[in-house]
């Protein structure tokens, strides 16, 4: 029983401490642009995978202050 309890505790701690992205409304239908609306010079935008597009737009939004950076899952439970 002690081993089972330790395994459950370790798994729950790992799950709760993983960094996840808070909800952030972003669009990947167009190349990211700067704050003035000028698009970045990305020529192969449509050939990127959806994950790469989402990551780039998400990190651009984090850098612009429009989204919060990833945080531990347990912090989201407090909100």
PDB file of N, CA and C in Angstrom:
ATOM      1  N   UNK A   1       0.815  -1.197   0.000  1.00  0.00           N
ATOM      2  CA  UNK A   1       0.000   0.000   0.000  1.00  0.00           C
ATOM      3  C   UNK A   1       0.863   1.267   0.000  1.00  0.00           C
ATOM      4  N   UNK A   2       1.978   1.179   0.710  1.00  0.00           N
ATOM      5  CA  UNK A   2       2.857   2.339   0.784  1.00  0.00           C
ATOM      6  C   UNK A   2       3.442   2.664  -0.596  1.00  0.00           C
ATOM      7  N   UNK A   3       3.812   1.642  -1.353  1.00  0.00           N
ATOM      8  CA  UNK A   3       4.339   1.858  -2.704  1.00  0.00           C
ATOM      9  C   UNK A   3       3.280   2.446  -3.622  1.00  0.00           C
ATOM     10  N   UNK A   4       2.055   1.973  -3.498  1.00  0.00           N
ATOM     11  CA  UNK A   4       0.963   2.502  -4.305  1.00  0.00           C
ATOM     12  C   UNK A   4       0.689   3.964  -3.959  1.00  0.00           C
ATOM     13  N   UNK A   5       0.692   4.278  -2.677  1.00  0.00           N
ATOM     14  CA  UNK A   5       0.478   5.665  -2.250  1.00  0.00           C
ATOM     15  C   UNK A   5       1.597   6.564  -2.753  1.00  0.00           C
ATOM     16  N   UNK A   6       2.834   6.082  -2.706  1.00  0.00           N
ATOM     17  CA  UNK A   6       3.961   6.873  -3.202  1.00  0.00           C
ATOM     18  C   UNK A   6       3.855   7.098  -4.709  1.00  0.00           C
ATOM     19  N   UNK A   7       3.422   6.080  -5.454  1.00  0.00           N
ATOM     20  CA  UNK A   7       3.264   6.219  -6.905  1.00  0.00           C
ATOM     21  C   UNK A   7       2.171   7.225  -7.245  1.00  0.00           C
ATOM     22  N   UNK A   8       1.060   7.158  -6.513  1.00  0.00           N
ATOM     23  CA  UNK A   8      -0.035   8.113  -6.749  1.00  0.00           C
ATOM     24  C   UNK A   8       0.417   9.524  -6.413  1.00  0.00           C
ATOM     25  N   UNK A   9       1.118   9.708  -5.314  1.00  0.00           N
ATOM     26  CA  UNK A   9       1.602  11.030  -4.921  1.00  0.00           C
ATOM     27  C   UNK A   9       2.587  11.580  -5.952  1.00  0.00           C
ATOM     28  N   UNK A  10       3.505  10.756  -6.410  1.00  0.00           N
ATOM     29  CA  UNK A  10       4.484  11.209  -7.398  1.00  0.00           C
ATOM     30  C   UNK A  10       3.810  11.578  -8.714  1.00  0.00           C
ATOM     31  N   UNK A  11       2.858  10.780  -9.147  1.00  0.00           N
ATOM     32  CA  UNK A  11       2.153  11.063 -10.402  1.00  0.00           C
ATOM     33  C   UNK A  11       1.338  12.336 -10.297  1.00  0.00           C
ATOM     34  N   UNK A  12       0.642  12.523  -9.180  1.00  0.00           N
ATOM     35  CA  UNK A  12      -0.172  13.734  -9.034  1.00  0.00           C
ATOM     36  C   UNK A  12       0.702  14.972  -8.918  1.00  0.00           C
ATOM     37  N   UNK A  13       1.842  14.860  -8.238  1.00  0.00           N
ATOM     38  CA  UNK A  13       2.746  16.008  -8.148  1.00  0.00           C
ATOM     39  C   UNK A  13       3.291  16.361  -9.529  1.00  0.00           C
ATOM     40  N   UNK A  14       3.684  15.347 -10.310  1.00  0.00           N
ATOM     41  CA  UNK A  14       4.192  15.591 -11.654  1.00  0.00           C
ATOM     42  C   UNK A  14       3.122  16.260 -12.520  1.00  0.00           C
ATOM     43  N   UNK A  15       1.894  15.774 -12.445  1.00  0.00           N
ATOM     44  CA  UNK A  15       0.802  16.329 -13.240  1.00  0.00           C
ATOM     45  C   UNK A  15       0.509  17.772 -12.842  1.00  0.00           C
ATOM     46  N   UNK A  16       0.470  18.048 -11.552  1.00  0.00           N
ATOM     47  CA  UNK A  16       0.118  19.387 -11.077  1.00  0.00           C
ATOM     48  C   UNK A  16       1.223  20.405 -11.315  1.00  0.00           C
ATOM     49  N   UNK A  17       2.466  19.950 -11.405  1.00  0.00           N
ATOM     50  CA  UNK A  17       3.567  20.898 -11.554  1.00  0.00           C
ATOM     51  C   UNK A  17       3.983  21.115 -13.001  1.00  0.00           C
ATOM     52  N   UNK A  18       3.375  20.412 -13.951  1.00  0.00           N
ATOM     53  CA  UNK A  18       3.714  20.608 -15.364  1.00  0.00           C
ATOM     54  C   UNK A  18       3.295  22.002 -15.817  1.00  0.00           C
ATOM     55  N   UNK A  19       4.115  22.625 -16.629  1.00  0.00           N
ATOM     56  CA  UNK A  19       3.786  23.943 -17.157  1.00  0.00           C
ATOM     57  C   UNK A  19       2.804  23.789 -18.315  1.00  0.00           C
ATOM     58  N   UNK A  20       1.720  24.526 -18.260  1.00  0.00           N
ATOM     59  CA  UNK A  20       0.722  24.520 -19.323  1.00  0.00           C
ATOM     60  C   UNK A  20       0.428  25.963 -19.712  1.00  0.00           C
ATOM     61  N   UNK A  21      -0.114  26.111 -20.893  1.00  0.00           N
ATOM     62  CA  UNK A  21      -0.446  27.452 -21.373  1.00  0.00           C
ATOM     63  C   UNK A  21      -1.819  27.872 -20.855  1.00  0.00           C
ATOM     64  N   UNK A  22      -1.910  29.046 -20.271  1.00  0.00           N
ATOM     65  CA  UNK A  22      -3.241  29.558 -19.929  1.00  0.00           C
ATOM     66  C   UNK A  22      -4.029  29.828 -21.202  1.00  0.00           C
ATOM     67  N   UNK A  23      -5.337  29.874 -21.080  1.00  0.00           N
ATOM     68  CA  UNK A  23      -6.162  30.131 -22.250  1.00  0.00           C
ATOM     69  C   UNK A  23      -5.797  31.489 -22.844  1.00  0.00           C
ATOM     70  N   UNK A  24      -5.635  31.525 -24.149  1.00  0.00           N
ATOM     71  CA  UNK A  24      -5.262  32.755 -24.837  1.00  0.00           C
ATOM     72  C   UNK A  24      -5.898  32.715 -26.218  1.00  0.00           C
ATOM     73  N   UNK A  25      -6.684  33.711 -26.533  1.00  0.00           N
ATOM     74  CA  UNK A  25      -7.344  33.763 -27.842  1.00  0.00           C
ATOM     75  C   UNK A  25      -6.342  34.237 -28.884  1.00  0.00           C
ATOM     76  N   UNK A  26      -5.934  33.309 -29.754  1.00  0.00           N
ATOM     77  CA  UNK A  26      -5.008  33.645 -30.832  1.00  0.00           C
ATOM     78  C   UNK A  26      -5.567  33.109 -32.141  1.00  0.00           C
ATOM     79  N   UNK A  27      -5.099  33.672 -33.227  1.00  0.00           N
ATOM     80  CA  UNK A  27      -5.527  33.235 -34.554  1.00  0.00           C
ATOM     81  C   UNK A  27      -4.305  32.830 -35.344  1.00  0.00           C
ATOM     82  N   UNK A  28      -4.397  31.690 -36.043  1.00  0.00           N
ATOM     83  CA  UNK A  28      -3.269  31.251 -36.864  1.00  0.00           C
ATOM     84  C   UNK A  28      -3.623  31.309 -38.343  1.00  0.00           C
ATOM     85  N   UNK A  29      -4.678  32.024 -38.686  1.00  0.00           N
ATOM     86  CA  UNK A  29      -5.095  32.071 -40.082  1.00  0.00           C
ATOM     87  C   UNK A  29      -4.241  33.016 -40.922  1.00  0.00           C
ATOM     88  N   UNK A  30      -3.526  33.924 -40.282  1.00  0.00           N
ATOM     89  CA  UNK A  30      -2.683  34.875 -40.997  1.00  0.00           C
ATOM     90  C   UNK A  30      -1.326  34.924 -40.314  1.00  0.00           C
ATOM     91  N   UNK A  31      -0.277  35.313 -41.042  1.00  0.00           N
ATOM     92  CA  UNK A  31       1.037  35.420 -40.403  1.00  0.00           C
ATOM     93  C   UNK A  31       1.002  36.424 -39.257  1.00  0.00           C
ATOM     94  N   UNK A  32       1.803  36.220 -38.224  1.00  0.00           N
ATOM     95  CA  UNK A  32       1.822  37.177 -37.123  1.00  0.00           C
ATOM     96  C   UNK A  32       2.329  38.526 -37.586  1.00  0.00           C
ATOM     97  N   UNK A  33       1.856  39.556 -36.932  1.00  0.00           N
ATOM     98  CA  UNK A  33       2.239  40.919 -37.272  1.00  0.00           C
ATOM     99  C   UNK A  33       2.730  41.627 -36.020  1.00  0.00           C
ATOM    100  N   UNK A  34       3.394  42.755 -36.224  1.00  0.00           N
ATOM    101  CA  UNK A  34       3.810  43.529 -35.064  1.00  0.00           C
ATOM    102  C   UNK A  34       2.625  44.313 -34.519  1.00  0.00           C
ATOM    103  N   UNK A  35       2.846  45.101 -33.498  1.00  0.00           N
ATOM    104  CA  UNK A  35       1.737  45.817 -32.862  1.00  0.00           C
ATOM    105  C   UNK A  35       1.075  46.834 -33.774  1.00  0.00           C
ATOM    106  N   UNK A  36       1.778  47.267 -34.830  1.00  0.00           N
ATOM    107  CA  UNK A  36       1.200  48.225 -35.778  1.00  0.00           C
ATOM    108  C   UNK A  36       0.474  47.531 -36.926  1.00  0.00           C
ATOM    109  N   UNK A  37       0.459  46.200 -36.937  1.00  0.00           N
ATOM    110  CA  UNK A  37      -0.250  45.468 -37.971  1.00  0.00           C
ATOM    111  C   UNK A  37       0.585  45.090 -39.176  1.00  0.00           C
ATOM    112  N   UNK A  38       1.869  45.426 -39.167  1.00  0.00           N
ATOM    113  CA  UNK A  38       2.737  45.061 -40.290  1.00  0.00           C
ATOM    114  C   UNK A  38       3.151  43.599 -40.134  1.00  0.00           C
ATOM    115  N   UNK A  39       2.853  42.735 -41.120  1.00  0.00           N
ATOM    116  CA  UNK A  39       3.198  41.315 -40.979  1.00  0.00           C
ATOM    117  C   UNK A  39       4.701  41.096 -41.026  1.00  0.00           C
ATOM    118  N   UNK A  40       5.142  40.079 -40.317  1.00  0.00           N
ATOM    119  CA  UNK A  40       6.543  39.698 -40.370  1.00  0.00           C
ATOM    120  C   UNK A  40       6.848  39.107 -41.742  1.00  0.00           C
ATOM    121  N   UNK A  41       8.068  39.277 -42.233  1.00  0.00           N
ATOM    122  CA  UNK A  41       8.406  38.752 -43.563  1.00  0.00           C
ATOM    123  C   UNK A  41       8.646  37.236 -43.526  1.00  0.00           C
ATOM    124  N   UNK A  42       7.582  36.464 -43.435  1.00  0.00           N
ATOM    125  CA  UNK A  42       7.672  35.009 -43.423  1.00  0.00           C
ATOM    126  C   UNK A  42       7.119  34.521 -44.758  1.00  0.00           C
ATOM    127  N   UNK A  43       7.969  33.923 -45.564  1.00  0.00           N
ATOM    128  CA  UNK A  43       7.539  33.542 -46.904  1.00  0.00           C
ATOM    129  C   UNK A  43       6.884  32.167 -46.951  1.00  0.00           C
ATOM    130  N   UNK A  44       7.260  31.280 -46.044  1.00  0.00           N
ATOM    131  CA  UNK A  44       6.742  29.914 -46.102  1.00  0.00           C
ATOM    132  C   UNK A  44       5.677  29.650 -45.038  1.00  0.00           C
ATOM    133  N   UNK A  45       4.908  30.646 -44.676  1.00  0.00           N
ATOM    134  CA  UNK A  45       3.904  30.555 -43.606  1.00  0.00           C
ATOM    135  C   UNK A  45       2.909  29.419 -43.839  1.00  0.00           C
ATOM    136  N   UNK A  46       2.424  29.286 -45.053  1.00  0.00           N
ATOM    137  CA  UNK A  46       1.392  28.277 -45.328  1.00  0.00           C
ATOM    138  C   UNK A  46       1.937  26.849 -45.314  1.00  0.00           C
ATOM    139  N   UNK A  47       3.247  26.687 -45.417  1.00  0.00           N
ATOM    140  CA  UNK A  47       3.832  25.345 -45.400  1.00  0.00           C
ATOM    141  C   UNK A  47       4.167  24.872 -43.992  1.00  0.00           C
ATOM    142  N   UNK A  48       4.030  25.740 -43.007  1.00  0.00           N
ATOM    143  CA  UNK A  48       4.324  25.356 -41.624  1.00  0.00           C
ATOM    144  C   UNK A  48       3.232  24.448 -41.099  1.00  0.00           C
ATOM    145  N   UNK A  49       3.575  23.638 -40.126  1.00  0.00           N
ATOM    146  CA  UNK A  49       2.577  22.794 -39.472  1.00  0.00           C
ATOM    147  C   UNK A  49       1.709  23.676 -38.576  1.00  0.00           C
ATOM    148  N   UNK A  50       0.476  23.273 -38.318  1.00  0.00           N
ATOM    149  CA  UNK A  50      -0.374  24.071 -37.425  1.00  0.00           C
ATOM    150  C   UNK A  50       0.242  24.266 -36.033  1.00  0.00           C
ATOM    151  N   UNK A  51       0.982  23.276 -35.541  1.00  0.00           N
ATOM    152  CA  UNK A  51       1.614  23.410 -34.229  1.00  0.00           C
ATOM    153  C   UNK A  51       2.676  24.510 -34.234  1.00  0.00           C
ATOM    154  N   UNK A  52       3.465  24.567 -35.316  1.00  0.00           N
ATOM    155  CA  UNK A  52       4.501  25.598 -35.401  1.00  0.00           C
ATOM    156  C   UNK A  52       3.865  26.985 -35.519  1.00  0.00           C
ATOM    157  N   UNK A  53       2.802  27.090 -36.292  1.00  0.00           N
ATOM    158  CA  UNK A  53       2.103  28.372 -36.400  1.00  0.00           C
ATOM    159  C   UNK A  53       1.564  28.807 -35.048  1.00  0.00           C
ATOM    160  N   UNK A  54       0.910  27.879 -34.356  1.00  0.00           N
ATOM    161  CA  UNK A  54       0.326  28.209 -33.055  1.00  0.00           C
ATOM    162  C   UNK A  54       1.404  28.622 -32.070  1.00  0.00           C
ATOM    163  N   UNK A  55       2.529  27.896 -32.053  1.00  0.00           N
ATOM    164  CA  UNK A  55       3.608  28.243 -31.136  1.00  0.00           C
ATOM    165  C   UNK A  55       4.147  29.633 -31.413  1.00  0.00           C
ATOM    166  N   UNK A  56       4.390  29.954 -32.674  1.00  0.00           N
ATOM    167  CA  UNK A  56       4.941  31.260 -33.010  1.00  0.00           C
ATOM    168  C   UNK A  56       3.972  32.377 -32.619  1.00  0.00           C
ATOM    169  N   UNK A  57       2.705  32.210 -32.957  1.00  0.00           N
ATOM    170  CA  UNK A  57       1.729  33.252 -32.640  1.00  0.00           C
ATOM    171  C   UNK A  57       1.553  33.373 -31.132  1.00  0.00           C
ATOM    172  N   UNK A  58       1.539  32.235 -30.428  1.00  0.00           N
ATOM    173  CA  UNK A  58       1.395  32.278 -28.966  1.00  0.00           C
ATOM    174  C   UNK A  58       2.559  33.029 -28.325  1.00  0.00           C
ATOM    175  N   UNK A  59       3.781  32.686 -28.712  1.00  0.00           N
ATOM    176  CA  UNK A  59       4.930  33.356 -28.099  1.00  0.00           C
ATOM    177  C   UNK A  59       5.013  34.818 -28.513  1.00  0.00           C
ATOM    178  N   UNK A  60       4.540  35.151 -29.697  1.00  0.00           N
ATOM    179  CA  UNK A  60       4.478  36.557 -30.087  1.00  0.00           C
ATOM    180  C   UNK A  60       3.485  37.301 -29.191  1.00  0.00           C
ATOM    181  N   UNK A  61       2.335  36.675 -28.916  1.00  0.00           N
ATOM    182  CA  UNK A  61       1.332  37.297 -28.048  1.00  0.00           C
ATOM    183  C   UNK A  61       1.847  37.421 -26.620  1.00  0.00           C
ATOM    184  N   UNK A  62       2.607  36.439 -26.145  1.00  0.00           N
ATOM    185  CA  UNK A  62       3.203  36.525 -24.803  1.00  0.00           C
ATOM    186  C   UNK A  62       4.182  37.694 -24.761  1.00  0.00           C
ATOM    187  N   UNK A  63       5.026  37.815 -25.783  1.00  0.00           N
ATOM    188  CA  UNK A  63       5.994  38.904 -25.839  1.00  0.00           C
ATOM    189  C   UNK A  63       5.343  40.274 -25.931  1.00  0.00           C
ATOM    190  N   UNK A  64       4.184  40.330 -26.570  1.00  0.00           N
ATOM    191  CA  UNK A  64       3.468  41.600 -26.705  1.00  0.00           C
ATOM    192  C   UNK A  64       2.633  41.920 -25.465  1.00  0.00           C
ATOM    193  N   UNK A  65       2.564  40.976 -24.522  1.00  0.00           N
ATOM    194  CA  UNK A  65       1.808  41.219 -23.297  1.00  0.00           C
ATOM    195  C   UNK A  65       0.325  40.926 -23.414  1.00  0.00           C
ATOM    196  N   UNK A  66      -0.095  40.260 -24.484  1.00  0.00           N
ATOM    197  CA  UNK A  66      -1.518  39.957 -24.670  1.00  0.00           C
ATOM    198  C   UNK A  66      -1.921  38.624 -24.059  1.00  0.00           C
ATOM    199  N   UNK A  67      -0.950  37.782 -23.733  1.00  0.00           N
ATOM    200  CA  UNK A  67      -1.229  36.473 -23.131  1.00  0.00           C
ATOM    201  C   UNK A  67      -0.245  36.240 -21.990  1.00  0.00           C
ATOM    202  N   UNK A  68      -0.658  35.398 -21.048  1.00  0.00           N
ATOM    203  CA  UNK A  68       0.234  35.039 -19.957  1.00  0.00           C
ATOM    204  C   UNK A  68       1.124  33.883 -20.401  1.00  0.00           C
ATOM    205  N   UNK A  69       2.378  33.855 -19.936  1.00  0.00           N
ATOM    206  CA  UNK A  69       3.266  32.738 -20.287  1.00  0.00           C
ATOM    207  C   UNK A  69       2.819  31.453 -19.597  1.00  0.00           C
ATOM    208  N   UNK A  70       3.346  30.319 -20.028  1.00  0.00           N
ATOM    209  CA  UNK A  70       2.983  29.059 -19.388  1.00  0.00           C
ATOM    210  C   UNK A  70       3.262  29.105 -17.885  1.00  0.00           C
ATOM    211  N   UNK A  71       2.434  28.407 -17.122  1.00  0.00           N
ATOM    212  CA  UNK A  71       2.576  28.368 -15.675  1.00  0.00           C
ATOM    213  C   UNK A  71       2.204  26.977 -15.186  1.00  0.00           C
ATOM    214  N   UNK A  72       2.599  26.620 -13.978  1.00  0.00           N
ATOM    215  CA  UNK A  72       2.230  25.300 -13.457  1.00  0.00           C
ATOM    216  C   UNK A  72       0.715  25.123 -13.412  1.00  0.00           C
ATOM    217  N   UNK A  73       0.289  23.923 -13.688  1.00  0.00           N
ATOM    218  CA  UNK A  73      -1.146  23.623 -13.725  1.00  0.00           C
ATOM    219  C   UNK A  73      -1.838  23.975 -12.416  1.00  0.00           C
ATOM    220  N   UNK A  74      -1.184  23.794 -11.266  1.00  0.00           N
ATOM    221  CA  UNK A  74      -1.829  24.048  -9.985  1.00  0.00           C
ATOM    222  C   UNK A  74      -2.181  25.516  -9.814  1.00  0.00           C
ATOM    223  N   UNK A  75      -1.432  26.428 -10.445  1.00  0.00           N
ATOM    224  CA  UNK A  75      -1.774  27.854 -10.356  1.00  0.00           C
ATOM    225  C   UNK A  75      -3.108  28.140 -11.058  1.00  0.00           C
ATOM    226  N   UNK A  76      -3.378  27.420 -12.155  1.00  0.00           N
ATOM    227  CA  UNK A  76      -4.639  27.625 -12.855  1.00  0.00           C
ATOM    228  C   UNK A  76      -5.801  27.137 -12.003  1.00  0.00           C
ATOM    229  N   UNK A  77      -5.584  26.153 -11.162  1.00  0.00           N
ATOM    230  CA  UNK A  77      -6.655  25.662 -10.301  1.00  0.00           C
ATOM    231  C   UNK A  77      -7.067  26.694  -9.279  1.00  0.00           C
ATOM    232  N   UNK A  78      -6.174  27.632  -8.939  1.00  0.00           N
ATOM    233  CA  UNK A  78      -6.490  28.651  -7.951  1.00  0.00           C
ATOM    234  C   UNK A  78      -7.373  29.757  -8.518  1.00  0.00           C
ATOM    235  N   UNK A  79      -7.353  29.914  -9.834  1.00  0.00           N
ATOM    236  CA  UNK A  79      -8.156  30.988 -10.465  1.00  0.00           C
ATOM    237  C   UNK A  79      -9.633  30.665 -10.486  1.00  0.00           C
TER     238      UNK A  79
END
